Amino acid sequence: MRNIIVCTKVVPKSDAVFFDPVTKRLDRTKAENQINDADKNALETALKIKEKYGGKVIVLSMGPQFFDQFLKVAIAMGADDAILLSDRLFGGSDTFPTALILSTAIKKIGDYDLVLTGEESSDAGLGQLPAQIAEFLELPQVLFVSSLDLSENKIIARRTIKGGYEIVETDMPAVLSIELGINQPRFPDFRRKRWADKEFQLKVWSNGDLGLSEDEVGLKGSYTSVRRLVEIQPSTRKKIFIEGTSEEKVEKMIEIINERMNK
């Protein structure tokens, strides 16, 4: 097994993000950040593959410089290396330039057999990046993976689909998105955490390291933009609870509907 690259995203905790009624935007200023939960499942999957088949686990993320503390958590969990893609030019990127930036970095890393991601991020919930990364890399993709086995140069993956699951076989290298909650991510090792905080040298790559045009990244390279957010008001409709047997409930429902239609 060669490199296993895990794409991670640092997201705000959802219960600490609030809607600003004045600006009509999400207020993340007081939110505590964390590694996206599904990405932790992807990292745990990569670490288990490493334990069984060898290889090197490299964590890749995009964001501001202070994200380094979260990548060091991944190192403390057992990852071998971590790279942060950070540049002001990347600001405002939607999924298309984000996938381009990540895939360009993956090509720069090279010598990989697997690229793992979480199924989607908890803040946007789009789930577009895994497929876009695979397209930029021109690699086979298997999405919503719930379990997988490796055999020689083959991947046999079970993936969730509507109404059930299917078994997919493909060659390596490949891009896999890992389903949320398929495993229990391990706790960071205290001694590795202390070493990571003091001695680990995180790699930080800017757009200059990737060689992308300014028109390809950030807002200029994006095909979508958020114009406004609309607050959904809670329903004011009256709720009616009906008790009784199934037949009695049906009769009462018909009675209520007839009364409403005749008003």
Protein backbone atom coordinates (compact mmCIF):
# COMPACT_ATOMS: atom_id res chain seq x y z
CA MET A 1 0.00 0.00 0.00
CA ARG A 2 1.27 3.45 -0.94
CA ASN A 3 -0.05 6.79 0.33
CA ILE A 4 -3.60 7.03 1.65
CA ILE A 5 -4.70 10.66 1.37
CA VAL A 6 -7.58 11.79 3.58
CA CYS A 7 -9.31 15.06 2.70
CA THR A 8 -10.68 16.75 5.80
CA LYS A 9 -12.64 19.91 6.49
CA VAL A 10 -12.73 21.97 9.67
CA VAL A 11 -16.32 23.00 10.39
CA PRO A 12 -18.10 24.92 13.16
CA LYS A 13 -20.12 22.90 15.65
CA SER A 14 -23.68 23.13 14.38
CA ASP A 15 -25.22 23.82 17.79
CA ALA A 16 -23.07 26.93 18.15
CA VAL A 17 -23.99 28.56 14.82
CA PHE A 18 -26.75 31.14 14.98
CA PHE A 19 -28.86 33.05 12.50
CA ASP A 20 -28.37 36.82 12.69
CA PRO A 21 -31.83 38.39 12.23
CA VAL A 22 -30.30 41.73 11.23
CA THR A 23 -27.81 40.64 8.58
CA LYS A 24 -29.81 37.50 7.60
CA ARG A 25 -26.58 35.53 7.66
CA LEU A 26 -25.13 32.71 9.73
CA ASP A 27 -23.03 33.96 12.64
CA ARG A 28 -20.07 31.61 13.20
CA THR A 29 -17.95 34.02 15.23
CA LYS A 30 -18.65 32.31 18.57
CA ALA A 31 -18.76 28.77 17.21
CA GLU A 32 -16.18 26.21 18.26
CA ASN A 33 -14.56 24.42 15.34
CA GLN A 34 -13.85 20.73 14.86
CA ILE A 35 -12.89 18.21 12.18
CA ASN A 36 -15.99 17.27 10.21
CA ASP A 37 -17.48 14.11 11.75
CA ALA A 38 -17.68 12.11 8.51
CA ASP A 39 -14.05 13.04 7.77
CA LYS A 40 -13.08 11.52 11.13
CA ASN A 41 -14.73 8.30 9.94
CA ALA A 42 -12.66 8.54 6.75
CA LEU A 43 -9.49 9.06 8.79
CA GLU A 44 -10.30 6.09 11.02
CA THR A 45 -10.86 3.96 7.89
CA ALA A 46 -7.47 5.05 6.53
CA LEU A 47 -5.71 4.25 9.82
CA LYS A 48 -7.24 0.76 9.91
CA ILE A 49 -6.12 0.16 6.32
CA LYS A 50 -2.62 1.30 7.27
CA GLU A 51 -2.56 -1.08 10.25
CA LYS A 52 -3.52 -4.02 8.03
CA TYR A 53 -1.80 -3.27 4.74
CA GLY A 54 0.85 -0.67 5.54
CA GLY A 55 1.26 2.62 3.73
CA LYS A 56 1.33 6.22 4.87
CA VAL A 57 -1.70 8.28 5.90
CA ILE A 58 -1.55 11.93 4.80
CA VAL A 59 -4.23 14.39 5.90
CA LEU A 60 -5.07 17.22 3.50
CA SER A 61 -7.19 20.25 4.33
CA MET A 62 -7.92 23.75 3.02
CA GLY A 63 -8.47 26.80 5.19
CA PRO A 64 -6.86 29.57 7.24
CA GLN A 65 -3.62 29.13 9.16
CA PHE A 66 -5.30 28.51 12.54
CA PHE A 67 -6.62 25.19 11.19
CA ASP A 68 -3.16 23.77 11.93
CA GLN A 69 -4.27 22.81 15.47
CA PHE A 70 -6.96 20.51 14.06
CA LEU A 71 -4.58 18.82 11.64
CA LYS A 72 -2.29 18.15 14.59
CA VAL A 73 -5.21 16.31 16.20
CA ALA A 74 -5.25 14.05 13.12
CA ILE A 75 -1.52 13.48 13.60
CA ALA A 76 -2.15 12.58 17.24
CA MET A 77 -4.76 10.05 16.07
CA GLY A 78 -2.12 8.31 13.97
CA ALA A 79 -1.77 10.12 10.63
CA ASP A 80 1.81 10.29 9.34
CA ASP A 81 1.73 13.70 7.72
CA ALA A 82 -0.57 16.70 7.23
CA ILE A 83 -0.75 19.46 4.65
CA LEU A 84 -2.76 22.66 4.95
CA LEU A 85 -3.71 24.53 1.77
CA SER A 86 -3.95 28.15 2.81
CA ASP A 87 -4.07 31.27 0.67
CA ARG A 88 -6.26 34.38 0.60
CA LEU A 89 -6.94 33.58 -3.05
CA PHE A 90 -8.82 30.45 -1.94
CA GLY A 91 -11.39 32.49 0.02
CA GLY A 92 -14.96 32.22 -1.25
CA SER A 93 -14.34 29.02 -3.23
CA ASP A 94 -17.41 26.91 -3.89
CA THR A 95 -17.07 23.17 -4.38
CA PHE A 96 -15.69 23.40 -7.93
CA PRO A 97 -12.48 25.37 -7.23
CA THR A 98 -12.17 23.63 -3.84
CA ALA A 99 -12.09 20.26 -5.62
CA LEU A 100 -9.61 21.65 -8.14
CA ILE A 101 -7.33 22.94 -5.37
CA LEU A 102 -7.48 19.65 -3.44
CA SER A 103 -6.95 17.47 -6.52
CA THR A 104 -3.99 19.61 -7.62
CA ALA A 105 -2.44 19.11 -4.17
CA ILE A 106 -3.13 15.37 -4.37
CA LYS A 107 -1.28 15.23 -7.69
CA LYS A 108 1.61 17.12 -6.09
CA ILE A 109 1.75 14.61 -3.22
CA GLY A 110 1.60 11.70 -5.67
CA ASP A 111 2.33 8.01 -5.13
CA TYR A 112 -1.12 7.25 -3.67
CA ASP A 113 -3.48 4.28 -3.84
CA LEU A 114 -6.52 5.75 -2.07
CA VAL A 115 -8.12 9.15 -1.62
CA LEU A 116 -10.68 9.14 1.17
CA THR A 117 -13.21 11.80 2.16
CA GLY A 118 -16.27 11.98 4.36
CA GLU A 119 -19.61 11.60 2.58
CA GLU A 120 -20.36 15.33 3.07
CA SER A 121 -19.62 18.22 5.41
CA SER A 122 -21.90 19.13 8.28
CA ASP A 123 -21.92 22.84 7.48
CA ALA A 124 -22.87 22.76 3.79
CA GLY A 125 -24.12 19.19 3.39
CA LEU A 126 -23.65 19.20 -0.40
CA GLY A 127 -21.66 15.98 -0.84
CA GLN A 128 -20.24 17.18 -4.16
CA LEU A 129 -16.51 17.22 -3.44
CA PRO A 130 -15.73 13.48 -3.58
CA ALA A 131 -17.11 13.09 -7.10
CA GLN A 132 -15.53 16.34 -8.28
CA ILE A 133 -12.11 15.34 -6.93
CA ALA A 134 -12.41 11.98 -8.69
CA GLU A 135 -13.25 13.72 -11.97
CA PHE A 136 -10.28 16.10 -11.71
CA LEU A 137 -8.00 13.13 -10.95
CA GLU A 138 -9.67 10.97 -13.63
CA LEU A 139 -10.08 8.15 -11.12
CA PRO A 140 -12.90 5.70 -10.37
CA GLN A 141 -15.11 6.76 -7.49
CA VAL A 142 -17.22 4.89 -4.95
CA LEU A 143 -19.50 7.06 -2.83
CA PHE A 144 -21.25 6.45 0.51
CA VAL A 145 -18.99 3.51 1.40
CA SER A 146 -20.11 1.62 4.50
CA SER A 147 -17.39 -1.07 4.43
CA LEU A 148 -14.55 -2.15 2.19
CA ASP A 149 -11.99 -4.88 1.61
CA LEU A 150 -8.75 -4.71 -0.35
CA SER A 151 -7.46 -7.57 -2.46
CA GLU A 152 -4.19 -7.12 -4.36
CA ASN A 153 -4.88 -4.01 -6.44
CA LYS A 154 -8.68 -4.22 -6.11
CA ILE A 155 -11.21 -2.49 -3.87
CA ILE A 156 -14.43 -4.31 -2.95
CA ALA A 157 -16.74 -1.79 -1.31
CA ARG A 158 -20.24 -1.90 0.07
CA ARG A 159 -22.05 1.37 -0.56
CA THR A 160 -25.41 2.59 0.65
CA ILE A 161 -28.07 3.36 -1.95
CA LYS A 162 -31.73 4.27 -1.66
CA GLY A 163 -33.57 1.24 -0.33
CA GLY A 164 -30.51 -0.90 0.35
CA TYR A 165 -26.89 -1.34 -0.65
CA GLU A 166 -24.71 -2.56 -3.49
CA ILE A 167 -21.28 -4.18 -3.75
CA VAL A 168 -18.84 -2.41 -6.06
CA GLU A 169 -15.44 -3.59 -7.25
CA THR A 170 -12.86 -1.24 -8.75
CA ASP A 171 -9.13 -0.85 -9.27
CA MET A 172 -6.77 1.29 -7.24
CA PRO A 173 -6.10 4.17 -7.14
CA ALA A 174 -9.62 5.38 -6.46
CA VAL A 175 -11.59 8.02 -4.59
CA LEU A 176 -13.92 6.81 -1.83
CA SER A 177 -16.37 8.83 0.25
CA ILE A 178 -16.92 7.25 3.66
CA GLU A 179 -20.38 7.13 5.20
CA LEU A 180 -20.95 9.00 8.45
CA GLY A 181 -20.87 6.81 11.54
CA ILE A 182 -19.52 3.58 10.02
CA ASN A 183 -16.83 3.34 12.71
CA GLN A 184 -15.74 4.85 16.02
CA PRO A 185 -12.84 7.25 15.43
CA ARG A 186 -10.06 6.65 17.93
CA PHE A 187 -9.05 9.18 20.56
CA PRO A 188 -5.83 11.10 19.97
CA ASP A 189 -2.81 9.55 21.66
CA PHE A 190 -1.63 11.89 24.42
CA ARG A 191 2.07 11.35 23.76
CA ARG A 192 1.65 11.87 20.00
CA LYS A 193 -0.44 14.97 20.69
CA ARG A 194 2.32 16.44 22.84
CA TRP A 195 4.90 15.60 20.17
CA ALA A 196 2.69 17.05 17.41
CA ASP A 197 2.18 20.31 19.31
CA LYS A 198 5.89 20.78 19.99
CA GLU A 199 7.82 19.15 17.16
CA PHE A 200 5.64 18.21 14.20
CA GLN A 201 6.28 20.44 11.19
CA LEU A 202 3.00 21.03 9.36
CA LYS A 203 3.36 21.70 5.64
CA VAL A 204 1.48 24.79 4.42
CA TRP A 205 1.03 25.17 0.67
CA SER A 206 -0.16 28.38 -0.96
CA ASN A 207 -1.51 28.86 -4.44
CA GLY A 208 2.04 29.56 -5.53
CA ASP A 209 2.96 25.98 -4.59
CA LEU A 210 0.08 24.62 -6.66
CA GLY A 211 0.52 26.86 -9.69
CA LEU A 212 -3.16 27.54 -10.33
CA SER A 213 -4.40 30.67 -12.06
CA GLU A 214 -6.07 33.30 -9.86
CA ASP A 215 -9.12 33.00 -12.13
CA GLU A 216 -9.46 29.31 -11.26
CA VAL A 217 -9.76 29.67 -7.48
CA GLY A 218 -11.78 31.62 -4.94
CA LEU A 219 -14.78 33.65 -6.01
CA LYS A 220 -13.43 34.07 -9.54
CA GLY A 221 -13.32 30.32 -10.07
CA SER A 222 -16.69 29.63 -8.44
CA TYR A 223 -19.90 28.93 -10.31
CA THR A 224 -22.19 29.65 -7.36
CA SER A 225 -22.48 32.28 -4.65
CA VAL A 226 -24.74 32.77 -1.64
CA ARG A 227 -26.82 35.91 -2.17
CA ARG A 228 -28.98 35.68 0.92
CA LEU A 229 -30.35 33.36 3.58
CA VAL A 230 -34.04 33.22 4.42
CA GLU A 231 -35.20 32.39 7.92
CA ILE A 232 -37.95 29.77 7.87
CA GLN A 233 -40.67 30.71 10.32
CA PRO A 234 -42.18 27.93 12.44
CA SER A 235 -45.61 26.74 11.43
CA THR A 236 -48.55 28.45 13.11
CA ARG A 237 -51.01 25.78 12.08
CA LYS A 238 -52.99 24.21 14.88
CA LYS A 239 -52.11 20.61 15.70
CA ILE A 240 -54.87 18.14 16.45
CA PHE A 241 -54.18 14.88 18.26
CA ILE A 242 -56.68 12.10 17.65
CA GLU A 243 -57.03 9.17 20.01
CA GLY A 244 -58.88 5.90 19.72
CA THR A 245 -58.77 2.79 17.57
CA SER A 246 -57.63 2.92 13.96
CA GLU A 247 -61.23 2.99 12.74
CA GLU A 248 -62.15 5.75 15.18
CA LYS A 249 -59.15 7.83 14.13
CA VAL A 250 -60.07 7.51 10.44
CA GLU A 251 -63.69 8.49 11.12
CA LYS A 252 -62.56 11.51 13.15
CA MET A 253 -60.12 12.58 10.43
CA ILE A 254 -62.86 12.41 7.79
CA GLU A 255 -65.15 14.42 10.05
CA ILE A 256 -62.51 17.14 10.55
CA ILE A 257 -61.71 17.31 6.82
CA ASN A 258 -65.41 17.64 5.93
CA GLU A 259 -65.83 20.42 8.49
CA ARG A 260 -62.85 22.33 7.07
CA MET A 261 -64.04 21.93 3.47
CA ASN A 262 -67.53 23.18 4.30
CA LYS A 263 -66.26 26.37 5.95
